[in-house]
Amino acid sequence: MTVISWSELAKIDYWDNIEYLENEWTLDDVYIFMDKVDDLIDLLSKENVTFKPTAYKNTYQVPVLKQITLYYRFENNSIELLRFWNNYKDLNKLSL
């Protein structure tokens, strides 16, 4: 099983997305987001899978929901979750 770590930005993004869903949507939407994140982390940790490569070295992206993309990278047999990016934001402002 691969070790998964979270960058500080990924933690902030994750909780910001949950807060937004709580305020603007429903509790069910919060749980759907959390379940999808859990499923992706489980998949990444157990399977030898990669998703769409980015312009950054060893960095990939995968949609969590239509509105949110997870960016992550492989490093020394571990995976670091980098960002949970809201797709409505300007992609040029994405920093990993």
PDB file of N, CA and C in Angstrom:
ATOM      1  N   MET A   1       0.837  -1.180   0.000  1.00  0.00           N
ATOM      2  CA  MET A   1       0.000   0.000   0.000  1.00  0.00           C
ATOM      3  C   MET A   1       0.885   1.247   0.000  1.00  0.00           C
ATOM      4  N   THR A   2       0.512   2.209  -0.793  1.00  0.00           N
ATOM      5  CA  THR A   2       1.264   3.450  -0.930  1.00  0.00           C
ATOM      6  C   THR A   2       0.886   4.435   0.174  1.00  0.00           C
ATOM      7  N   VAL A   3       1.876   5.140   0.675  1.00  0.00           N
ATOM      8  CA  VAL A   3       1.639   6.163   1.697  1.00  0.00           C
ATOM      9  C   VAL A   3       1.073   7.416   1.032  1.00  0.00           C
ATOM     10  N   ILE A   4       0.029   7.962   1.639  1.00  0.00           N
ATOM     11  CA  ILE A   4      -0.599   9.182   1.132  1.00  0.00           C
ATOM     12  C   ILE A   4      -0.347  10.306   2.128  1.00  0.00           C
ATOM     13  N   SER A   5       0.125  11.444   1.631  1.00  0.00           N
ATOM     14  CA  SER A   5       0.272  12.621   2.492  1.00  0.00           C
ATOM     15  C   SER A   5      -0.479  13.796   1.859  1.00  0.00           C
ATOM     16  N   TRP A   6      -0.801  14.748   2.682  1.00  0.00           N
ATOM     17  CA  TRP A   6      -1.547  15.933   2.242  1.00  0.00           C
ATOM     18  C   TRP A   6      -0.664  17.165   2.391  1.00  0.00           C
ATOM     19  N   SER A   7      -0.582  17.970   1.344  1.00  0.00           N
ATOM     20  CA  SER A   7       0.086  19.266   1.482  1.00  0.00           C
ATOM     21  C   SER A   7      -0.822  20.184   2.300  1.00  0.00           C
ATOM     22  N   GLU A   8      -0.251  21.248   2.824  1.00  0.00           N
ATOM     23  CA  GLU A   8      -1.059  22.213   3.579  1.00  0.00           C
ATOM     24  C   GLU A   8      -2.142  22.818   2.688  1.00  0.00           C
ATOM     25  N   LEU A   9      -1.801  23.102   1.419  1.00  0.00           N
ATOM     26  CA  LEU A   9      -2.788  23.663   0.491  1.00  0.00           C
ATOM     27  C   LEU A   9      -3.920  22.680   0.221  1.00  0.00           C
ATOM     28  N   ALA A  10      -3.605  21.401   0.139  1.00  0.00           N
ATOM     29  CA  ALA A  10      -4.657  20.397  -0.086  1.00  0.00           C
ATOM     30  C   ALA A  10      -5.610  20.368   1.099  1.00  0.00           C
ATOM     31  N   LYS A  11      -5.068  20.454   2.312  1.00  0.00           N
ATOM     32  CA  LYS A  11      -5.917  20.471   3.508  1.00  0.00           C
ATOM     33  C   LYS A  11      -6.836  21.689   3.507  1.00  0.00           C
ATOM     34  N   ILE A  12      -6.266  22.845   3.198  1.00  0.00           N
ATOM     35  CA  ILE A  12      -7.056  24.084   3.158  1.00  0.00           C
ATOM     36  C   ILE A  12      -8.142  23.985   2.094  1.00  0.00           C
ATOM     37  N   ASP A  13      -7.751  23.546   0.894  1.00  0.00           N
ATOM     38  CA  ASP A  13      -8.733  23.404  -0.198  1.00  0.00           C
ATOM     39  C   ASP A  13      -9.862  22.457   0.194  1.00  0.00           C
ATOM     40  N   TYR A  14      -9.497  21.327   0.768  1.00  0.00           N
ATOM     41  CA  TYR A  14     -10.481  20.312   1.148  1.00  0.00           C
ATOM     42  C   TYR A  14     -11.527  20.912   2.091  1.00  0.00           C
ATOM     43  N   TRP A  15     -11.057  21.565   3.158  1.00  0.00           N
ATOM     44  CA  TRP A  15     -11.990  22.125   4.132  1.00  0.00           C
ATOM     45  C   TRP A  15     -12.739  23.331   3.583  1.00  0.00           C
ATOM     46  N   ASP A  16     -12.111  24.108   2.710  1.00  0.00           N
ATOM     47  CA  ASP A  16     -12.823  25.215   2.050  1.00  0.00           C
ATOM     48  C   ASP A  16     -13.967  24.685   1.191  1.00  0.00           C
ATOM     49  N   ASN A  17     -13.716  23.600   0.484  1.00  0.00           N
ATOM     50  CA  ASN A  17     -14.766  23.004  -0.347  1.00  0.00           C
ATOM     51  C   ASN A  17     -15.907  22.471   0.513  1.00  0.00           C
ATOM     52  N   ILE A  18     -15.575  21.849   1.621  1.00  0.00           N
ATOM     53  CA  ILE A  18     -16.620  21.349   2.525  1.00  0.00           C
ATOM     54  C   ILE A  18     -17.443  22.512   3.084  1.00  0.00           C
ATOM     55  N   GLU A  19     -16.758  23.562   3.497  1.00  0.00           N
ATOM     56  CA  GLU A  19     -17.462  24.732   4.032  1.00  0.00           C
ATOM     57  C   GLU A  19     -18.393  25.336   2.977  1.00  0.00           C
ATOM     58  N   TYR A  20     -17.901  25.434   1.753  1.00  0.00           N
ATOM     59  CA  TYR A  20     -18.735  25.966   0.674  1.00  0.00           C
ATOM     60  C   TYR A  20     -19.974  25.081   0.464  1.00  0.00           C
ATOM     61  N   LEU A  21     -19.776  23.784   0.410  1.00  0.00           N
ATOM     62  CA  LEU A  21     -20.902  22.867   0.199  1.00  0.00           C
ATOM     63  C   LEU A  21     -21.903  22.957   1.344  1.00  0.00           C
ATOM     64  N   GLU A  22     -21.406  23.085   2.569  1.00  0.00           N
ATOM     65  CA  GLU A  22     -22.308  23.216   3.725  1.00  0.00           C
ATOM     66  C   GLU A  22     -23.162  24.484   3.627  1.00  0.00           C
ATOM     67  N   ASN A  23     -22.543  25.568   3.164  1.00  0.00           N
ATOM     68  CA  ASN A  23     -23.241  26.856   3.096  1.00  0.00           C
ATOM     69  C   ASN A  23     -24.154  26.986   1.894  1.00  0.00           C
ATOM     70  N   GLU A  24     -23.761  26.412   0.762  1.00  0.00           N
ATOM     71  CA  GLU A  24     -24.477  26.650  -0.492  1.00  0.00           C
ATOM     72  C   GLU A  24     -25.277  25.455  -0.990  1.00  0.00           C
ATOM     73  N   TRP A  25     -24.978  24.272  -0.500  1.00  0.00           N
ATOM     74  CA  TRP A  25     -25.636  23.072  -0.994  1.00  0.00           C
ATOM     75  C   TRP A  25     -26.260  22.327   0.171  1.00  0.00           C
ATOM     76  N   THR A  26     -26.174  21.021   0.173  1.00  0.00           N
ATOM     77  CA  THR A  26     -26.808  20.235   1.231  1.00  0.00           C
ATOM     78  C   THR A  26     -25.768  19.366   1.928  1.00  0.00           C
ATOM     79  N   LEU A  27     -26.151  18.841   3.066  1.00  0.00           N
ATOM     80  CA  LEU A  27     -25.280  17.933   3.791  1.00  0.00           C
ATOM     81  C   LEU A  27     -24.983  16.683   2.947  1.00  0.00           C
ATOM     82  N   ASP A  28     -25.950  16.245   2.170  1.00  0.00           N
ATOM     83  CA  ASP A  28     -25.722  15.111   1.268  1.00  0.00           C
ATOM     84  C   ASP A  28     -24.594  15.410   0.290  1.00  0.00           C
ATOM     85  N   ASP A  29     -24.540  16.647  -0.220  1.00  0.00           N
ATOM     86  CA  ASP A  29     -23.471  17.022  -1.149  1.00  0.00           C
ATOM     87  C   ASP A  29     -22.107  17.002  -0.464  1.00  0.00           C
ATOM     88  N   VAL A  30     -22.081  17.399   0.796  1.00  0.00           N
ATOM     89  CA  VAL A  30     -20.837  17.327   1.576  1.00  0.00           C
ATOM     90  C   VAL A  30     -20.379  15.877   1.664  1.00  0.00           C
ATOM     91  N   TYR A  31     -21.307  14.979   2.008  1.00  0.00           N
ATOM     92  CA  TYR A  31     -20.954  13.559   2.141  1.00  0.00           C
ATOM     93  C   TYR A  31     -20.529  12.950   0.807  1.00  0.00           C
ATOM     94  N   ILE A  32     -21.171  13.356  -0.269  1.00  0.00           N
ATOM     95  CA  ILE A  32     -20.788  12.855  -1.595  1.00  0.00           C
ATOM     96  C   ILE A  32     -19.348  13.253  -1.905  1.00  0.00           C
ATOM     97  N   PHE A  33     -19.022  14.532  -1.662  1.00  0.00           N
ATOM     98  CA  PHE A  33     -17.655  15.005  -1.891  1.00  0.00           C
ATOM     99  C   PHE A  33     -16.667  14.218  -1.032  1.00  0.00           C
ATOM    100  N   MET A  34     -16.947  14.078   0.241  1.00  0.00           N
ATOM    101  CA  MET A  34     -16.039  13.366   1.141  1.00  0.00           C
ATOM    102  C   MET A  34     -15.875  11.904   0.730  1.00  0.00           C
ATOM    103  N   ASP A  35     -16.969  11.267   0.329  1.00  0.00           N
ATOM    104  CA  ASP A  35     -16.900   9.869  -0.106  1.00  0.00           C
ATOM    105  C   ASP A  35     -16.072   9.732  -1.378  1.00  0.00           C
ATOM    106  N   LYS A  36     -16.241  10.661  -2.305  1.00  0.00           N
ATOM    107  CA  LYS A  36     -15.472  10.590  -3.563  1.00  0.00           C
ATOM    108  C   LYS A  36     -13.981  10.784  -3.282  1.00  0.00           C
ATOM    109  N   VAL A  37     -13.653  11.702  -2.392  1.00  0.00           N
ATOM    110  CA  VAL A  37     -12.246  11.897  -2.021  1.00  0.00           C
ATOM    111  C   VAL A  37     -11.701  10.622  -1.381  1.00  0.00           C
ATOM    112  N   ASP A  38     -12.447  10.056  -0.455  1.00  0.00           N
ATOM    113  CA  ASP A  38     -12.019   8.806   0.191  1.00  0.00           C
ATOM    114  C   ASP A  38     -11.814   7.692  -0.830  1.00  0.00           C
ATOM    115  N   ASP A  39     -12.739   7.572  -1.778  1.00  0.00           N
ATOM    116  CA  ASP A  39     -12.624   6.539  -2.814  1.00  0.00           C
ATOM    117  C   ASP A  39     -11.377   6.745  -3.664  1.00  0.00           C
ATOM    118  N   LEU A  40     -11.101   7.988  -4.040  1.00  0.00           N
ATOM    119  CA  LEU A  40      -9.908   8.268  -4.848  1.00  0.00           C
ATOM    120  C   LEU A  40      -8.630   7.974  -4.078  1.00  0.00           C
ATOM    121  N   ILE A  41      -8.590   8.379  -2.823  1.00  0.00           N
ATOM    122  CA  ILE A  41      -7.404   8.109  -2.001  1.00  0.00           C
ATOM    123  C   ILE A  41      -7.201   6.605  -1.848  1.00  0.00           C
ATOM    124  N   ASP A  42      -8.282   5.890  -1.640  1.00  0.00           N
ATOM    125  CA  ASP A  42      -8.208   4.436  -1.524  1.00  0.00           C
ATOM    126  C   ASP A  42      -7.674   3.820  -2.816  1.00  0.00           C
ATOM    127  N   LEU A  43      -8.193   4.280  -3.930  1.00  0.00           N
ATOM    128  CA  LEU A  43      -7.749   3.782  -5.239  1.00  0.00           C
ATOM    129  C   LEU A  43      -6.267   4.080  -5.460  1.00  0.00           C
ATOM    130  N   LEU A  44      -5.861   5.306  -5.183  1.00  0.00           N
ATOM    131  CA  LEU A  44      -4.456   5.682  -5.380  1.00  0.00           C
ATOM    132  C   LEU A  44      -3.523   4.894  -4.466  1.00  0.00           C
ATOM    133  N   SER A  45      -3.967   4.610  -3.255  1.00  0.00           N
ATOM    134  CA  SER A  45      -3.087   3.927  -2.305  1.00  0.00           C
ATOM    135  C   SER A  45      -2.968   2.431  -2.577  1.00  0.00           C
ATOM    136  N   LYS A  46      -3.989   1.831  -3.179  1.00  0.00           N
ATOM    137  CA  LYS A  46      -3.987   0.381  -3.365  1.00  0.00           C
ATOM    138  C   LYS A  46      -3.636  -0.074  -4.770  1.00  0.00           C
ATOM    139  N   GLU A  47      -3.958   0.740  -5.752  1.00  0.00           N
ATOM    140  CA  GLU A  47      -3.777   0.336  -7.139  1.00  0.00           C
ATOM    141  C   GLU A  47      -2.597   1.077  -7.760  1.00  0.00           C
ATOM    142  N   ASN A  48      -2.026   0.472  -8.754  1.00  0.00           N
ATOM    143  CA  ASN A  48      -0.962   1.124  -9.499  1.00  0.00           C
ATOM    144  C   ASN A  48      -1.601   1.887 -10.652  1.00  0.00           C
ATOM    145  N   VAL A  49      -2.221   3.023 -10.340  1.00  0.00           N
ATOM    146  CA  VAL A  49      -2.925   3.802 -11.354  1.00  0.00           C
ATOM    147  C   VAL A  49      -2.353   5.205 -11.411  1.00  0.00           C
ATOM    148  N   THR A  50      -2.442   5.789 -12.574  1.00  0.00           N
ATOM    149  CA  THR A  50      -2.151   7.207 -12.737  1.00  0.00           C
ATOM    150  C   THR A  50      -3.269   7.801 -13.568  1.00  0.00           C
ATOM    151  N   PHE A  51      -3.484   9.068 -13.365  1.00  0.00           N
ATOM    152  CA  PHE A  51      -4.513   9.757 -14.118  1.00  0.00           C
ATOM    153  C   PHE A  51      -3.851  10.732 -15.078  1.00  0.00           C
ATOM    154  N   LYS A  52      -4.550  11.720 -15.499  1.00  0.00           N
ATOM    155  CA  LYS A  52      -4.073  12.631 -16.535  1.00  0.00           C
ATOM    156  C   LYS A  52      -2.829  13.398 -16.068  1.00  0.00           C
ATOM    157  N   PRO A  53      -1.724  13.291 -16.828  1.00  0.00           N
ATOM    158  CA  PRO A  53      -0.508  14.026 -16.454  1.00  0.00           C
ATOM    159  C   PRO A  53      -0.709  15.539 -16.603  1.00  0.00           C
ATOM    160  N   THR A  54       0.051  16.286 -15.826  1.00  0.00           N
ATOM    161  CA  THR A  54       0.047  17.743 -15.935  1.00  0.00           C
ATOM    162  C   THR A  54       1.406  18.180 -16.482  1.00  0.00           C
ATOM    163  N   ALA A  55       1.600  19.478 -16.606  1.00  0.00           N
ATOM    164  CA  ALA A  55       2.874  20.011 -17.075  1.00  0.00           C
ATOM    165  C   ALA A  55       3.956  19.919 -15.994  1.00  0.00           C
ATOM    166  N   TYR A  56       3.548  19.627 -14.764  1.00  0.00           N
ATOM    167  CA  TYR A  56       4.503  19.505 -13.659  1.00  0.00           C
ATOM    168  C   TYR A  56       5.045  18.075 -13.596  1.00  0.00           C
ATOM    169  N   LYS A  57       6.315  17.935 -13.242  1.00  0.00           N
ATOM    170  CA  LYS A  57       6.962  16.625 -13.185  1.00  0.00           C
ATOM    171  C   LYS A  57       6.285  15.719 -12.151  1.00  0.00           C
ATOM    172  N   ASN A  58       5.982  14.481 -12.563  1.00  0.00           N
ATOM    173  CA  ASN A  58       5.377  13.453 -11.701  1.00  0.00           C
ATOM    174  C   ASN A  58       4.059  13.901 -11.060  1.00  0.00           C
ATOM    175  N   THR A  59       3.375  14.841 -11.693  1.00  0.00           N
ATOM    176  CA  THR A  59       2.147  15.398 -11.138  1.00  0.00           C
ATOM    177  C   THR A  59       0.978  15.088 -12.064  1.00  0.00           C
ATOM    178  N   TYR A  60      -0.140  14.694 -11.446  1.00  0.00           N
ATOM    179  CA  TYR A  60      -1.309  14.238 -12.193  1.00  0.00           C
ATOM    180  C   TYR A  60      -2.563  14.919 -11.658  1.00  0.00           C
ATOM    181  N   GLN A  61      -3.622  14.831 -12.454  1.00  0.00           N
ATOM    182  CA  GLN A  61      -4.904  15.404 -12.045  1.00  0.00           C
ATOM    183  C   GLN A  61      -6.022  14.396 -12.283  1.00  0.00           C
ATOM    184  N   VAL A  62      -7.019  14.469 -11.420  1.00  0.00           N
ATOM    185  CA  VAL A  62      -8.172  13.581 -11.551  1.00  0.00           C
ATOM    186  C   VAL A  62      -9.392  14.332 -11.021  1.00  0.00           C
ATOM    187  N   PRO A  63     -10.500  14.305 -11.751  1.00  0.00           N
ATOM    188  CA  PRO A  63     -11.693  14.979 -11.234  1.00  0.00           C
ATOM    189  C   PRO A  63     -12.262  14.235 -10.032  1.00  0.00           C
ATOM    190  N   VAL A  64     -12.595  14.997  -8.995  1.00  0.00           N
ATOM    191  CA  VAL A  64     -13.298  14.442  -7.838  1.00  0.00           C
ATOM    192  C   VAL A  64     -14.792  14.560  -8.115  1.00  0.00           C
ATOM    193  N   LEU A  65     -15.184  15.749  -8.475  1.00  0.00           N
ATOM    194  CA  LEU A  65     -16.532  16.074  -8.944  1.00  0.00           C
ATOM    195  C   LEU A  65     -16.339  16.940 -10.181  1.00  0.00           C
ATOM    196  N   LYS A  66     -17.405  17.242 -10.860  1.00  0.00           N
ATOM    197  CA  LYS A  66     -17.307  18.090 -12.048  1.00  0.00           C
ATOM    198  C   LYS A  66     -16.631  19.421 -11.700  1.00  0.00           C
ATOM    199  N   GLN A  67     -16.876  19.907 -10.497  1.00  0.00           N
ATOM    200  CA  GLN A  67     -16.393  21.220 -10.093  1.00  0.00           C
ATOM    201  C   GLN A  67     -15.016  21.222  -9.428  1.00  0.00           C
ATOM    202  N   ILE A  68     -14.515  20.056  -9.048  1.00  0.00           N
ATOM    203  CA  ILE A  68     -13.276  19.993  -8.259  1.00  0.00           C
ATOM    204  C   ILE A  68     -12.321  18.944  -8.830  1.00  0.00           C
ATOM    205  N   THR A  69     -11.072  19.360  -9.010  1.00  0.00           N
ATOM    206  CA  THR A  69     -10.033  18.466  -9.510  1.00  0.00           C
ATOM    207  C   THR A  69      -8.959  18.290  -8.441  1.00  0.00           C
ATOM    208  N   LEU A  70      -8.572  17.048  -8.238  1.00  0.00           N
ATOM    209  CA  LEU A  70      -7.475  16.734  -7.327  1.00  0.00           C
ATOM    210  C   LEU A  70      -6.179  16.713  -8.128  1.00  0.00           C
ATOM    211  N   TYR A  71      -5.180  17.436  -7.628  1.00  0.00           N
ATOM    212  CA  TYR A  71      -3.831  17.387  -8.181  1.00  0.00           C
ATOM    213  C   TYR A  71      -2.959  16.667  -7.166  1.00  0.00           C
ATOM    214  N   TYR A  72      -2.153  15.740  -7.662  1.00  0.00           N
ATOM    215  CA  TYR A  72      -1.288  14.960  -6.769  1.00  0.00           C
ATOM    216  C   TYR A  72      -0.004  14.615  -7.488  1.00  0.00           C
ATOM    217  N   ARG A  73       1.006  14.217  -6.699  1.00  0.00           N
ATOM    218  CA  ARG A  73       2.277  13.810  -7.318  1.00  0.00           C
ATOM    219  C   ARG A  73       2.838  12.575  -6.633  1.00  0.00           C
ATOM    220  N   PHE A  74       3.592  11.824  -7.424  1.00  0.00           N
ATOM    221  CA  PHE A  74       4.317  10.657  -6.909  1.00  0.00           C
ATOM    222  C   PHE A  74       5.699  11.106  -6.477  1.00  0.00           C
ATOM    223  N   GLU A  75       6.119  10.630  -5.320  1.00  0.00           N
ATOM    224  CA  GLU A  75       7.466  10.907  -4.842  1.00  0.00           C
ATOM    225  C   GLU A  75       7.928   9.770  -3.951  1.00  0.00           C
ATOM    226  N   ASN A  76       8.983   9.079  -4.346  1.00  0.00           N
ATOM    227  CA  ASN A  76       9.591   8.035  -3.518  1.00  0.00           C
ATOM    228  C   ASN A  76       8.574   7.049  -2.941  1.00  0.00           C
ATOM    229  N   ASN A  77       7.824   6.407  -3.795  1.00  0.00           N
ATOM    230  CA  ASN A  77       6.823   5.416  -3.387  1.00  0.00           C
ATOM    231  C   ASN A  77       5.730   5.981  -2.492  1.00  0.00           C
ATOM    232  N   SER A  78       5.525   7.281  -2.553  1.00  0.00           N
ATOM    233  CA  SER A  78       4.417   7.882  -1.819  1.00  0.00           C
ATOM    234  C   SER A  78       3.685   8.845  -2.748  1.00  0.00           C
ATOM    235  N   ILE A  79       2.500   9.213  -2.328  1.00  0.00           N
ATOM    236  CA  ILE A  79       1.690  10.145  -3.101  1.00  0.00           C
ATOM    237  C   ILE A  79       1.379  11.332  -2.206  1.00  0.00           C
ATOM    238  N   GLU A  80       1.632  12.515  -2.744  1.00  0.00           N
ATOM    239  CA  GLU A  80       1.286  13.731  -2.020  1.00  0.00           C
ATOM    240  C   GLU A  80       0.100  14.397  -2.716  1.00  0.00           C
ATOM    241  N   LEU A  81      -0.978  14.590  -1.962  1.00  0.00           N
ATOM    242  CA  LEU A  81      -2.127  15.324  -2.468  1.00  0.00           C
ATOM    243  C   LEU A  81      -1.765  16.798  -2.412  1.00  0.00           C
ATOM    244  N   LEU A  82      -1.849  17.464  -3.563  1.00  0.00           N
ATOM    245  CA  LEU A  82      -1.368  18.840  -3.644  1.00  0.00           C
ATOM    246  C   LEU A  82      -2.479  19.880  -3.515  1.00  0.00           C
ATOM    247  N   ARG A  83      -3.546  19.702  -4.289  1.00  0.00           N
ATOM    248  CA  ARG A  83      -4.636  20.681  -4.302  1.00  0.00           C
ATOM    249  C   ARG A  83      -5.955  19.990  -4.623  1.00  0.00           C
ATOM    250  N   PHE A  84      -7.042  20.530  -4.078  1.00  0.00           N
ATOM    251  CA  PHE A  84      -8.392  20.207  -4.509  1.00  0.00           C
ATOM    252  C   PHE A  84      -8.901  21.482  -5.164  1.00  0.00           C
ATOM    253  N   TRP A  85      -8.640  21.615  -6.451  1.00  0.00           N
ATOM    254  CA  TRP A  85      -8.846  22.872  -7.171  1.00  0.00           C
ATOM    255  C   TRP A  85     -10.283  23.011  -7.659  1.00  0.00           C
ATOM    256  N   ASN A  86     -10.884  24.152  -7.342  1.00  0.00           N
ATOM    257  CA  ASN A  86     -12.223  24.464  -7.845  1.00  0.00           C
ATOM    258  C   ASN A  86     -12.087  24.851  -9.311  1.00  0.00           C
ATOM    259  N   ASN A  87     -12.730  24.113 -10.200  1.00  0.00           N
ATOM    260  CA  ASN A  87     -12.566  24.308 -11.637  1.00  0.00           C
ATOM    261  C   ASN A  87     -13.151  25.613 -12.155  1.00  0.00           C
ATOM    262  N   TYR A  88     -13.885  26.320 -11.309  1.00  0.00           N
ATOM    263  CA  TYR A  88     -14.414  27.624 -11.717  1.00  0.00           C
ATOM    264  C   TYR A  88     -13.407  28.737 -11.499  1.00  0.00           C
ATOM    265  N   LYS A  89     -12.321  28.440 -10.794  1.00  0.00           N
ATOM    266  CA  LYS A  89     -11.261  29.426 -10.589  1.00  0.00           C
ATOM    267  C   LYS A  89     -10.364  29.473 -11.822  1.00  0.00           C
ATOM    268  N   ASP A  90      -9.631  30.551 -11.930  1.00  0.00           N
ATOM    269  CA  ASP A  90      -8.690  30.750 -13.038  1.00  0.00           C
ATOM    270  C   ASP A  90      -7.526  29.753 -12.900  1.00  0.00           C
ATOM    271  N   LEU A  91      -7.409  28.866 -13.866  1.00  0.00           N
ATOM    272  CA  LEU A  91      -6.372  27.829 -13.821  1.00  0.00           C
ATOM    273  C   LEU A  91      -4.967  28.443 -13.844  1.00  0.00           C
ATOM    274  N   ASN A  92      -4.838  29.635 -14.396  1.00  0.00           N
ATOM    275  CA  ASN A  92      -3.533  30.295 -14.413  1.00  0.00           C
ATOM    276  C   ASN A  92      -3.064  30.691 -13.009  1.00  0.00           C
ATOM    277  N   LYS A  93      -3.985  30.708 -12.055  1.00  0.00           N
ATOM    278  CA  LYS A  93      -3.626  31.056 -10.680  1.00  0.00           C
ATOM    279  C   LYS A  93      -3.337  29.819  -9.827  1.00  0.00           C
ATOM    280  N   LEU A  94      -3.425  28.642 -10.435  1.00  0.00           N
ATOM    281  CA  LEU A  94      -3.134  27.408  -9.705  1.00  0.00           C
ATOM    282  C   LEU A  94      -1.642  27.337  -9.386  1.00  0.00           C
ATOM    283  N   SER A  95      -1.342  27.140  -8.119  1.00  0.00           N
ATOM    284  CA  SER A  95       0.049  26.928  -7.719  1.00  0.00           C
ATOM    285  C   SER A  95       0.136  25.594  -7.013  1.00  0.00           C
ATOM    286  N   LEU A  96       1.123  24.830  -7.413  1.00  0.00           N
ATOM    287  CA  LEU A  96       1.347  23.526  -6.804  1.00  0.00           C
ATOM    288  C   LEU A  96       2.610  23.622  -6.046  1.00  0.00           C
TER     289      LEU A  96
END
